[in-house]
Amino acid sequence: MPLGLAFVYVPSMKKAFFWNPTVQEAWLYDPQKNSWTNLKPKGLPLKVGIDKVACLDTKRDRIYLGGPTNLACYDVKSNAFIDLRPKGKPPQNVDGYGYGPFSTSRSVMNYDSANDVAVLFYHGNGSTEASRKGRGVYAYDPTANAWSEAPLSVPKEFRKCPSSFYDPDLNAHFIHCAGDSADDGVMLVYRYKMAGR
């Protein structure tokens, strides 16, 4: 079974991007024609972990993909994968399972168009103090190609198995958290910054 699949709708093309890292292939799905096109992008092979988070930068038409320790992107205009190697430090892989901080069971990432940053909400869900040390809200600045200097704190209700979306009109991130197969969900709303501040 392939791991780490990503499927992201790209409004500028009215098509969806599909990435299968197991076979190192990227495809475009056209819902109007119900057809697939093999992109054959540059920049392969790309090493990213399983269950990765992904989000679309609507300003640059880039899809950010988190790997075990790195942040990469698929650039729509150049049809290429890019290992971004941003400055600064994202959360570290401290859980011992190899998923890394960009795993969908540990984090969510949205592009915040009001502030032009990708916001990563990371839950260090291990049982040790070291594994919880990386918990926080991290912002990636595409213009500077850098992570924010220090993470902001996440509320205690933020825990494993989150799902999320960003509403640009409200400039707010909506996050649902629940334990795996547990009936204990909680809904959180988060604003990184007021627009233009």
C-alpha atoms as a PDB file:
ATOM      1  CA  MET A   1       0.000   0.000   0.000  1.00  0.00           C
ATOM      2  CA  PRO A   2       1.471   3.395  -0.971  1.00  0.00           C
ATOM      3  CA  LEU A   3       2.244   5.747   1.887  1.00  0.00           C
ATOM      4  CA  GLY A   4       2.387   9.523   2.114  1.00  0.00           C
ATOM      5  CA  LEU A   5      -0.022  10.343  -0.702  1.00  0.00           C
ATOM      6  CA  ALA A   6      -0.990  13.989  -1.206  1.00  0.00           C
ATOM      7  CA  PHE A   7      -4.043  15.312  -3.060  1.00  0.00           C
ATOM      8  CA  VAL A   8      -4.467  19.096  -3.327  1.00  0.00           C
ATOM      9  CA  TYR A   9      -6.909  21.082  -5.474  1.00  0.00           C
ATOM     10  CA  VAL A  10      -5.260  23.998  -7.325  1.00  0.00           C
ATOM     11  CA  PRO A  11      -7.877  26.680  -8.164  1.00  0.00           C
ATOM     12  CA  SER A  12      -5.672  28.482 -10.716  1.00  0.00           C
ATOM     13  CA  MET A  13      -5.695  25.349 -12.881  1.00  0.00           C
ATOM     14  CA  LYS A  14      -9.100  24.009 -11.807  1.00  0.00           C
ATOM     15  CA  LYS A  15      -7.319  20.703 -11.376  1.00  0.00           C
ATOM     16  CA  ALA A  16      -6.078  18.587  -8.508  1.00  0.00           C
ATOM     17  CA  PHE A  17      -2.462  17.638  -7.832  1.00  0.00           C
ATOM     18  CA  PHE A  18      -1.769  14.053  -6.771  1.00  0.00           C
ATOM     19  CA  TRP A  19       1.594  12.875  -5.433  1.00  0.00           C
ATOM     20  CA  ASN A  20       2.618   9.260  -4.822  1.00  0.00           C
ATOM     21  CA  PRO A  21       6.080   9.174  -3.201  1.00  0.00           C
ATOM     22  CA  THR A  22       6.216   5.357  -3.249  1.00  0.00           C
ATOM     23  CA  VAL A  23       6.604   5.356  -7.037  1.00  0.00           C
ATOM     24  CA  GLN A  24       7.835   8.990  -7.263  1.00  0.00           C
ATOM     25  CA  GLU A  25       5.037  10.106  -9.564  1.00  0.00           C
ATOM     26  CA  ALA A  26       2.919  13.252  -9.719  1.00  0.00           C
ATOM     27  CA  TRP A  27      -0.346  13.562 -11.616  1.00  0.00           C
ATOM     28  CA  LEU A  28      -2.989  16.177 -12.403  1.00  0.00           C
ATOM     29  CA  TYR A  29      -6.655  15.275 -12.218  1.00  0.00           C
ATOM     30  CA  ASP A  30      -9.079  17.255 -14.375  1.00  0.00           C
ATOM     31  CA  PRO A  31     -12.586  16.943 -12.855  1.00  0.00           C
ATOM     32  CA  GLN A  32     -14.209  18.488 -15.956  1.00  0.00           C
ATOM     33  CA  LYS A  33     -12.782  15.813 -18.254  1.00  0.00           C
ATOM     34  CA  ASN A  34     -12.468  13.113 -15.583  1.00  0.00           C
ATOM     35  CA  SER A  35      -8.931  12.501 -16.840  1.00  0.00           C
ATOM     36  CA  TRP A  36      -5.400  12.175 -15.455  1.00  0.00           C
ATOM     37  CA  THR A  37      -2.132  13.619 -16.798  1.00  0.00           C
ATOM     38  CA  ASN A  38       1.285  12.402 -15.681  1.00  0.00           C
ATOM     39  CA  LEU A  39       3.270  15.536 -14.812  1.00  0.00           C
ATOM     40  CA  LYS A  40       6.753  13.960 -14.960  1.00  0.00           C
ATOM     41  CA  PRO A  41       8.148  16.791 -12.808  1.00  0.00           C
ATOM     42  CA  LYS A  42      11.765  17.790 -12.369  1.00  0.00           C
ATOM     43  CA  GLY A  43      13.471  17.419  -9.012  1.00  0.00           C
ATOM     44  CA  LEU A  44      12.883  13.719  -8.387  1.00  0.00           C
ATOM     45  CA  PRO A  45      13.484  11.645  -6.368  1.00  0.00           C
ATOM     46  CA  LEU A  46      12.039  13.587  -3.450  1.00  0.00           C
ATOM     47  CA  LYS A  47      12.392  12.150   0.052  1.00  0.00           C
ATOM     48  CA  VAL A  48       9.381  12.847   2.240  1.00  0.00           C
ATOM     49  CA  GLY A  49       7.960  10.707   5.011  1.00  0.00           C
ATOM     50  CA  ILE A  50       4.661   8.931   5.373  1.00  0.00           C
ATOM     51  CA  ASP A  51       1.434  10.704   6.291  1.00  0.00           C
ATOM     52  CA  LYS A  52       2.828  14.110   5.443  1.00  0.00           C
ATOM     53  CA  VAL A  53       1.026  17.420   5.781  1.00  0.00           C
ATOM     54  CA  ALA A  54       0.559  19.530   2.658  1.00  0.00           C
ATOM     55  CA  CYS A  55      -0.902  22.929   1.846  1.00  0.00           C
ATOM     56  CA  LEU A  56      -1.276  25.174  -1.189  1.00  0.00           C
ATOM     57  CA  ASP A  57       0.402  28.587  -1.302  1.00  0.00           C
ATOM     58  CA  THR A  58      -2.175  30.411  -3.419  1.00  0.00           C
ATOM     59  CA  LYS A  59       0.109  33.417  -3.984  1.00  0.00           C
ATOM     60  CA  ARG A  60       2.954  31.407  -5.543  1.00  0.00           C
ATOM     61  CA  ASP A  61       1.058  28.322  -6.740  1.00  0.00           C
ATOM     62  CA  ARG A  62       3.280  26.073  -4.650  1.00  0.00           C
ATOM     63  CA  ILE A  63       2.272  23.016  -2.686  1.00  0.00           C
ATOM     64  CA  TYR A  64       4.310  22.648   0.503  1.00  0.00           C
ATOM     65  CA  LEU A  65       5.069  19.092   1.569  1.00  0.00           C
ATOM     66  CA  GLY A  66       6.608  18.179   4.893  1.00  0.00           C
ATOM     67  CA  GLY A  67       9.037  15.278   5.125  1.00  0.00           C
ATOM     68  CA  PRO A  68      10.656  13.576   8.124  1.00  0.00           C
ATOM     69  CA  THR A  69      12.968  16.538   8.709  1.00  0.00           C
ATOM     70  CA  ASN A  70      12.616  18.794   5.700  1.00  0.00           C
ATOM     71  CA  LEU A  71      10.165  21.073   3.923  1.00  0.00           C
ATOM     72  CA  ALA A  72       9.814  20.760   0.168  1.00  0.00           C
ATOM     73  CA  CYS A  73       7.369  22.066  -2.394  1.00  0.00           C
ATOM     74  CA  TYR A  74       5.928  21.301  -5.770  1.00  0.00           C
ATOM     75  CA  ASP A  75       6.094  24.440  -7.924  1.00  0.00           C
ATOM     76  CA  VAL A  76       3.163  24.451 -10.340  1.00  0.00           C
ATOM     77  CA  LYS A  77       4.623  26.962 -12.817  1.00  0.00           C
ATOM     78  CA  SER A  78       7.964  25.194 -13.289  1.00  0.00           C
ATOM     79  CA  ASN A  79       6.570  21.662 -12.813  1.00  0.00           C
ATOM     80  CA  ALA A  80       9.347  20.896 -10.347  1.00  0.00           C
ATOM     81  CA  PHE A  81       9.864  19.626  -6.822  1.00  0.00           C
ATOM     82  CA  ILE A  82      12.156  21.831  -4.741  1.00  0.00           C
ATOM     83  CA  ASP A  83      13.870  20.930  -1.462  1.00  0.00           C
ATOM     84  CA  LEU A  84      13.445  24.329   0.190  1.00  0.00           C
ATOM     85  CA  ARG A  85      16.028  23.912   2.987  1.00  0.00           C
ATOM     86  CA  PRO A  86      14.621  26.888   4.909  1.00  0.00           C
ATOM     87  CA  LYS A  87      16.635  28.757   7.490  1.00  0.00           C
ATOM     88  CA  GLY A  88      15.722  28.386  11.147  1.00  0.00           C
ATOM     89  CA  LYS A  89      14.462  25.289  12.921  1.00  0.00           C
ATOM     90  CA  PRO A  90      11.154  23.512  12.494  1.00  0.00           C
ATOM     91  CA  PRO A  91      10.066  21.092  15.218  1.00  0.00           C
ATOM     92  CA  GLN A  92      12.442  18.162  15.504  1.00  0.00           C
ATOM     93  CA  ASN A  93      11.727  14.466  15.102  1.00  0.00           C
ATOM     94  CA  VAL A  94      11.828  13.406  18.733  1.00  0.00           C
ATOM     95  CA  ASP A  95       9.100  10.746  18.980  1.00  0.00           C
ATOM     96  CA  GLY A  96      11.344   7.848  17.974  1.00  0.00           C
ATOM     97  CA  TYR A  97       8.913   6.446  15.394  1.00  0.00           C
ATOM     98  CA  GLY A  98      10.369   8.145  12.332  1.00  0.00           C
ATOM     99  CA  TYR A  99       7.194   9.976  11.354  1.00  0.00           C
ATOM    100  CA  GLY A 100       8.712  13.380  11.956  1.00  0.00           C
ATOM    101  CA  PRO A 101       6.991  16.632  12.847  1.00  0.00           C
ATOM    102  CA  PHE A 102       5.116  16.827   9.527  1.00  0.00           C
ATOM    103  CA  SER A 103       3.057  13.667  10.012  1.00  0.00           C
ATOM    104  CA  THR A 104      -0.714  14.037   9.749  1.00  0.00           C
ATOM    105  CA  SER A 105      -1.091  12.207  13.064  1.00  0.00           C
ATOM    106  CA  ARG A 106       0.998  14.894  14.761  1.00  0.00           C
ATOM    107  CA  SER A 107       0.396  18.133  12.894  1.00  0.00           C
ATOM    108  CA  VAL A 108      -1.586  20.185  10.398  1.00  0.00           C
ATOM    109  CA  MET A 109      -0.316  22.902   8.067  1.00  0.00           C
ATOM    110  CA  ASN A 110      -2.299  25.645   6.309  1.00  0.00           C
ATOM    111  CA  TYR A 111      -1.300  28.514   4.068  1.00  0.00           C
ATOM    112  CA  ASP A 112      -2.322  31.741   5.815  1.00  0.00           C
ATOM    113  CA  SER A 113      -2.986  34.135   2.930  1.00  0.00           C
ATOM    114  CA  ALA A 114      -3.608  37.171   5.179  1.00  0.00           C
ATOM    115  CA  ASN A 115      -0.067  36.917   6.566  1.00  0.00           C
ATOM    116  CA  ASP A 116       1.633  35.123   3.627  1.00  0.00           C
ATOM    117  CA  VAL A 117       2.994  32.290   5.769  1.00  0.00           C
ATOM    118  CA  ALA A 118       2.486  28.549   6.020  1.00  0.00           C
ATOM    119  CA  VAL A 119       1.439  27.791   9.589  1.00  0.00           C
ATOM    120  CA  LEU A 120       2.363  24.419  11.080  1.00  0.00           C
ATOM    121  CA  PHE A 121       0.556  23.315  14.236  1.00  0.00           C
ATOM    122  CA  TYR A 122       2.659  20.569  15.805  1.00  0.00           C
ATOM    123  CA  HIS A 123       1.659  18.246  18.623  1.00  0.00           C
ATOM    124  CA  GLY A 124       4.613  16.425  20.193  1.00  0.00           C
ATOM    125  CA  ASN A 125       2.485  13.472  21.213  1.00  0.00           C
ATOM    126  CA  GLY A 126       5.108  11.184  22.704  1.00  0.00           C
ATOM    127  CA  SER A 127       5.155  10.090  26.301  1.00  0.00           C
ATOM    128  CA  THR A 128       8.492  11.674  27.204  1.00  0.00           C
ATOM    129  CA  GLU A 129       9.297  15.266  28.086  1.00  0.00           C
ATOM    130  CA  ALA A 130      11.691  15.440  25.119  1.00  0.00           C
ATOM    131  CA  SER A 131       8.937  14.445  22.696  1.00  0.00           C
ATOM    132  CA  ARG A 132       6.649  17.193  24.006  1.00  0.00           C
ATOM    133  CA  LYS A 133       9.332  19.868  23.876  1.00  0.00           C
ATOM    134  CA  GLY A 134       8.717  20.644  20.224  1.00  0.00           C
ATOM    135  CA  ARG A 135       4.998  21.361  20.620  1.00  0.00           C
ATOM    136  CA  GLY A 136       4.019  24.675  19.119  1.00  0.00           C
ATOM    137  CA  VAL A 137       2.866  26.823  16.231  1.00  0.00           C
ATOM    138  CA  TYR A 138       5.581  27.343  13.634  1.00  0.00           C
ATOM    139  CA  ALA A 139       5.370  29.793  10.737  1.00  0.00           C
ATOM    140  CA  TYR A 140       7.243  29.366   7.464  1.00  0.00           C
ATOM    141  CA  ASP A 141       7.890  32.632   5.591  1.00  0.00           C
ATOM    142  CA  PRO A 142       8.182  31.836   1.840  1.00  0.00           C
ATOM    143  CA  THR A 143       9.712  35.227   0.991  1.00  0.00           C
ATOM    144  CA  ALA A 144      12.544  34.789   3.486  1.00  0.00           C
ATOM    145  CA  ASN A 145      12.574  30.984   3.096  1.00  0.00           C
ATOM    146  CA  ALA A 146      12.804  30.746   6.872  1.00  0.00           C
ATOM    147  CA  TRP A 147      10.964  29.413   9.903  1.00  0.00           C
ATOM    148  CA  SER A 148       9.895  31.805  12.634  1.00  0.00           C
ATOM    149  CA  GLU A 149      12.516  32.275  15.339  1.00  0.00           C
ATOM    150  CA  ALA A 150      10.522  30.667  18.140  1.00  0.00           C
ATOM    151  CA  PRO A 151       7.303  28.658  18.121  1.00  0.00           C
ATOM    152  CA  LEU A 152       4.147  30.009  19.690  1.00  0.00           C
ATOM    153  CA  SER A 153       2.399  27.807  22.215  1.00  0.00           C
ATOM    154  CA  VAL A 154      -0.510  25.558  21.281  1.00  0.00           C
ATOM    155  CA  PRO A 155      -3.486  25.105  23.606  1.00  0.00           C
ATOM    156  CA  LYS A 156      -3.574  21.976  25.744  1.00  0.00           C
ATOM    157  CA  GLU A 157      -6.629  20.765  23.800  1.00  0.00           C
ATOM    158  CA  PHE A 158      -4.502  20.441  20.664  1.00  0.00           C
ATOM    159  CA  ARG A 159      -3.553  16.786  20.402  1.00  0.00           C
ATOM    160  CA  LYS A 160      -2.922  13.978  17.968  1.00  0.00           C
ATOM    161  CA  CYS A 161      -4.978  13.209  14.881  1.00  0.00           C
ATOM    162  CA  PRO A 162      -5.888  16.815  13.983  1.00  0.00           C
ATOM    163  CA  SER A 163      -7.546  18.012  10.780  1.00  0.00           C
ATOM    164  CA  SER A 164      -7.779  21.622   9.710  1.00  0.00           C
ATOM    165  CA  PHE A 165      -8.633  24.287   7.164  1.00  0.00           C
ATOM    166  CA  TYR A 166      -7.946  28.009   6.850  1.00  0.00           C
ATOM    167  CA  ASP A 167     -10.689  30.542   6.057  1.00  0.00           C
ATOM    168  CA  PRO A 168      -9.145  33.574   4.294  1.00  0.00           C
ATOM    169  CA  ASP A 169     -12.238  35.749   4.789  1.00  0.00           C
ATOM    170  CA  LEU A 170     -12.111  35.289   8.553  1.00  0.00           C
ATOM    171  CA  ASN A 171      -8.304  34.996   8.654  1.00  0.00           C
ATOM    172  CA  ALA A 172      -8.741  32.013  10.948  1.00  0.00           C
ATOM    173  CA  HIS A 173      -7.543  28.413  11.172  1.00  0.00           C
ATOM    174  CA  PHE A 174     -10.198  25.875  12.181  1.00  0.00           C
ATOM    175  CA  ILE A 175      -8.757  22.742  13.782  1.00  0.00           C
ATOM    176  CA  HIS A 176     -10.531  19.588  14.894  1.00  0.00           C
ATOM    177  CA  CYS A 177      -8.599  17.305  17.268  1.00  0.00           C
ATOM    178  CA  ALA A 178      -9.539  13.853  18.465  1.00  0.00           C
ATOM    179  CA  GLY A 179      -7.837  10.711  19.643  1.00  0.00           C
ATOM    180  CA  ASP A 180      -7.480   7.883  17.129  1.00  0.00           C
ATOM    181  CA  SER A 181     -10.900   6.155  16.943  1.00  0.00           C
ATOM    182  CA  ALA A 182     -12.004   8.065  20.048  1.00  0.00           C
ATOM    183  CA  ASP A 183     -15.207  10.025  20.621  1.00  0.00           C
ATOM    184  CA  ASP A 184     -13.417  12.951  22.284  1.00  0.00           C
ATOM    185  CA  GLY A 185     -13.230  15.579  19.534  1.00  0.00           C
ATOM    186  CA  VAL A 186     -12.729  19.267  20.208  1.00  0.00           C
ATOM    187  CA  MET A 187     -12.912  22.193  17.755  1.00  0.00           C
ATOM    188  CA  LEU A 188     -10.369  25.001  17.999  1.00  0.00           C
ATOM    189  CA  VAL A 189     -10.171  28.313  16.139  1.00  0.00           C
ATOM    190  CA  TYR A 190      -6.815  30.051  15.842  1.00  0.00           C
ATOM    191  CA  ARG A 191      -5.635  33.340  14.334  1.00  0.00           C
ATOM    192  CA  TYR A 192      -1.896  33.609  13.728  1.00  0.00           C
ATOM    193  CA  LYS A 193      -1.896  37.421  13.397  1.00  0.00           C
ATOM    194  CA  MET A 194      -4.236  40.184  12.373  1.00  0.00           C
ATOM    195  CA  ALA A 195      -3.713  40.930   8.699  1.00  0.00           C
ATOM    196  CA  GLY A 196      -0.935  43.423   8.024  1.00  0.00           C
ATOM    197  CA  ARG A 197       0.586  43.237  11.527  1.00  0.00           C
END
